[in-house]
């Protein structure tokens, strides 16, 4: 499978629209963390996201991924619609950055997406906030087949970094 770089940038407004649509496509995310011994760990959680592209979830502090974040804040998150079918146009978003237990301000972000979470007994759970530094978008309907767009994230602003086209397809 050949990979080539396209020199055609993607504008900031379009990046924002695509990223928002991809984050809205699912309420579940896969969170990858690193254990103190350097082993990969992954966890699935319901998440909400802010206008700055911070992701927020609830977790028990003694869970493996929560313990990992206390010693190494490095994390990556994948969000995709799990009803997609192989061979049909796909879409998803990968985010790379850091996460840690969050202050109470994360609650309003989470409650905005899941207002009924207050009805559950979650006393032992804490909010965690993920702050991306980079994200990678894949939306075949919007960007074309085999096209991945990477953007930097800084203070909620997205800046195009590169476009990669896989398998000789053009962007």
Protein backbone atom coordinates (compact mmCIF):
# COMPACT_ATOMS: atom_id res chain seq x y z
CA UNK A 1 0.00 0.00 0.00
CA UNK A 2 1.62 3.23 -1.15
CA UNK A 3 1.37 6.35 0.99
CA UNK A 4 1.94 9.78 -0.45
CA UNK A 5 1.65 13.28 0.92
CA UNK A 6 -0.73 15.74 -0.64
CA UNK A 7 0.25 19.40 -0.62
CA UNK A 8 -3.38 20.49 -0.60
CA UNK A 9 -4.16 21.94 2.85
CA UNK A 10 -7.51 21.65 4.59
CA UNK A 11 -8.88 24.94 5.94
CA UNK A 12 -9.42 25.61 9.62
CA UNK A 13 -13.22 25.92 9.36
CA UNK A 14 -13.48 22.64 7.46
CA UNK A 15 -11.19 20.88 9.96
CA UNK A 16 -13.39 22.10 12.82
CA UNK A 17 -16.59 20.96 11.09
CA UNK A 18 -15.17 17.54 10.23
CA UNK A 19 -13.74 16.97 13.72
CA UNK A 20 -17.02 18.01 15.39
CA UNK A 21 -19.02 15.69 13.16
CA UNK A 22 -16.69 12.78 13.87
CA UNK A 23 -16.82 13.35 17.64
CA UNK A 24 -20.62 13.54 17.48
CA UNK A 25 -20.80 10.23 15.52
CA UNK A 26 -20.43 8.10 18.66
CA UNK A 27 -20.75 8.45 22.41
CA UNK A 28 -18.08 5.80 23.01
CA UNK A 29 -14.34 6.16 22.68
CA UNK A 30 -11.35 3.88 23.08
CA UNK A 31 -8.71 5.36 25.41
CA UNK A 32 -5.12 4.10 25.15
CA UNK A 33 -2.76 4.66 28.08
CA UNK A 34 0.70 3.45 29.05
CA UNK A 35 1.39 1.48 32.23
CA UNK A 36 4.39 2.26 34.46
CA UNK A 37 6.14 -0.78 32.94
CA UNK A 38 5.55 0.60 29.42
CA UNK A 39 2.74 -1.76 28.45
CA UNK A 40 -0.19 -0.55 26.39
CA UNK A 41 -3.63 -0.49 27.99
CA UNK A 42 -6.97 0.33 26.38
CA UNK A 43 -10.35 1.14 27.85
CA UNK A 44 -13.71 2.04 26.35
CA UNK A 45 -15.75 4.83 27.92
CA UNK A 46 -18.65 7.15 27.22
CA UNK A 47 -17.29 10.61 26.53
CA UNK A 48 -18.30 14.19 25.96
CA UNK A 49 -16.26 16.87 24.24
CA UNK A 50 -15.86 20.62 24.54
CA UNK A 51 -15.54 23.36 21.93
CA UNK A 52 -11.76 23.24 22.61
CA UNK A 53 -11.76 19.54 21.61
CA UNK A 54 -11.06 18.38 25.15
CA UNK A 55 -12.68 14.98 25.84
CA UNK A 56 -14.16 14.15 29.23
CA UNK A 57 -15.19 10.79 30.71
CA UNK A 58 -16.06 9.25 34.07
CA UNK A 59 -13.92 6.52 35.56
CA UNK A 60 -13.09 4.81 38.81
CA UNK A 61 -9.69 6.04 40.08
CA UNK A 62 -8.45 2.48 40.77
CA UNK A 63 -9.14 1.31 37.18
CA UNK A 64 -6.01 0.42 35.21
CA UNK A 65 -6.21 3.35 32.81
CA UNK A 66 -6.83 5.80 35.67
CA UNK A 67 -3.79 4.49 37.55
CA UNK A 68 -1.73 4.71 34.36
CA UNK A 69 -2.65 8.37 33.88
CA UNK A 70 -1.42 9.22 37.38
CA UNK A 71 2.10 8.10 36.42
CA UNK A 72 2.11 8.93 32.69
CA UNK A 73 -0.36 11.43 31.24
CA UNK A 74 0.31 10.35 27.64
CA UNK A 75 -2.87 9.04 26.00
CA UNK A 76 -4.51 8.49 22.63
CA UNK A 77 -8.21 8.23 21.86
CA UNK A 78 -10.10 6.76 18.91
CA UNK A 79 -13.73 7.60 18.12
CA UNK A 80 -15.68 5.93 15.33
CA UNK A 81 -19.18 4.80 14.48
CA UNK A 82 -19.22 1.06 15.16
CA UNK A 83 -22.10 0.46 12.72
CA UNK A 84 -19.84 1.07 9.71
CA UNK A 85 -19.52 -1.76 7.21
CA UNK A 86 -16.31 -3.04 5.70
CA UNK A 87 -15.89 -1.93 2.10
CA UNK A 88 -18.21 1.06 2.48
CA UNK A 89 -17.05 4.65 3.08
CA UNK A 90 -15.51 4.90 6.55
CA UNK A 91 -14.92 7.69 9.02
CA UNK A 92 -13.24 8.16 12.37
CA UNK A 93 -10.95 10.37 14.41
CA UNK A 94 -7.79 9.67 16.40
CA UNK A 95 -6.56 12.13 19.01
CA UNK A 96 -3.11 12.23 20.62
CA UNK A 97 -2.29 14.15 23.78
CA UNK A 98 -2.46 13.87 27.54
CA UNK A 99 -5.09 13.19 30.19
CA UNK A 100 -5.53 13.40 33.92
CA UNK A 101 -8.18 13.58 36.59
CA UNK A 102 -10.15 16.73 35.99
CA UNK A 103 -11.47 19.54 38.11
CA UNK A 104 -15.21 19.95 38.59
CA UNK A 105 -15.48 22.04 35.39
CA UNK A 106 -15.44 18.78 33.40
CA UNK A 107 -18.83 17.90 34.86
CA UNK A 108 -20.70 20.55 32.87
CA UNK A 109 -19.18 19.25 29.63
CA UNK A 110 -20.21 15.69 30.48
CA UNK A 111 -23.70 16.69 31.67
CA UNK A 112 -24.24 18.52 28.38
CA UNK A 113 -24.08 15.22 26.50
CA UNK A 114 -25.39 12.89 29.20
CA UNK A 115 -27.86 14.85 31.35
CA UNK A 116 -29.19 11.67 33.01
CA UNK A 117 -25.82 10.68 34.46
CA UNK A 118 -26.85 12.48 37.69
CA UNK A 119 -29.47 9.76 38.24
CA UNK A 120 -26.80 7.09 38.76
CA UNK A 121 -24.81 6.36 41.90
CA UNK A 122 -21.31 7.26 40.74
CA UNK A 123 -19.79 8.45 44.00
CA UNK A 124 -16.51 6.56 43.52
CA UNK A 125 -16.06 7.82 39.96
CA UNK A 126 -14.04 10.86 38.94
CA UNK A 127 -13.98 12.95 35.80
CA UNK A 128 -10.97 12.74 33.51
CA UNK A 129 -10.05 15.28 30.86
CA UNK A 130 -8.04 14.56 27.73
CA UNK A 131 -6.35 17.50 26.02
CA UNK A 132 -5.30 16.73 22.42
CA UNK A 133 -2.16 18.14 20.82
CA UNK A 134 -2.79 16.49 17.47
CA UNK A 135 -5.68 14.77 15.73
CA UNK A 136 -6.06 12.64 12.65
CA UNK A 137 -9.30 12.69 10.63
CA UNK A 138 -10.59 10.03 8.26
CA UNK A 139 -13.89 10.71 6.50
CA UNK A 140 -14.20 9.11 3.09
CA UNK A 141 -17.50 10.88 2.29
CA UNK A 142 -15.93 14.30 2.89
CA UNK A 143 -12.23 13.85 2.14
CA UNK A 144 -12.13 11.02 -0.35
CA UNK A 145 -11.18 7.37 -0.20
CA UNK A 146 -8.01 6.58 1.77
CA UNK A 147 -7.37 10.20 2.80
CA UNK A 148 -6.13 10.99 6.32
CA UNK A 149 -5.74 14.59 7.50
CA UNK A 150 -3.58 15.45 10.52
CA UNK A 151 -4.01 18.73 12.39
CA UNK A 152 -2.35 20.34 15.40
CA UNK A 153 -4.59 21.40 18.28
CA UNK A 154 -3.72 24.42 20.38
CA UNK A 155 -6.15 26.24 22.67
CA UNK A 156 -9.08 24.77 20.77
CA UNK A 157 -7.72 25.90 17.39
CA UNK A 158 -7.00 23.41 14.65
CA UNK A 159 -4.17 23.93 12.17
CA UNK A 160 -3.65 21.67 9.16
CA UNK A 161 -0.37 19.78 9.33
CA UNK A 162 -0.48 17.20 6.55
CA UNK A 163 -2.68 15.11 4.29
CA UNK A 164 -1.76 11.51 3.56
CA UNK A 165 -3.27 9.50 0.75
CA UNK A 166 -3.11 5.71 0.96
CA UNK A 167 -2.95 3.20 -1.89
CA UNK A 168 -2.30 5.69 -4.67
CA UNK A 169 -5.65 7.42 -4.37
CA UNK A 170 -5.70 11.16 -5.00
CA UNK A 171 -6.81 13.80 -2.50
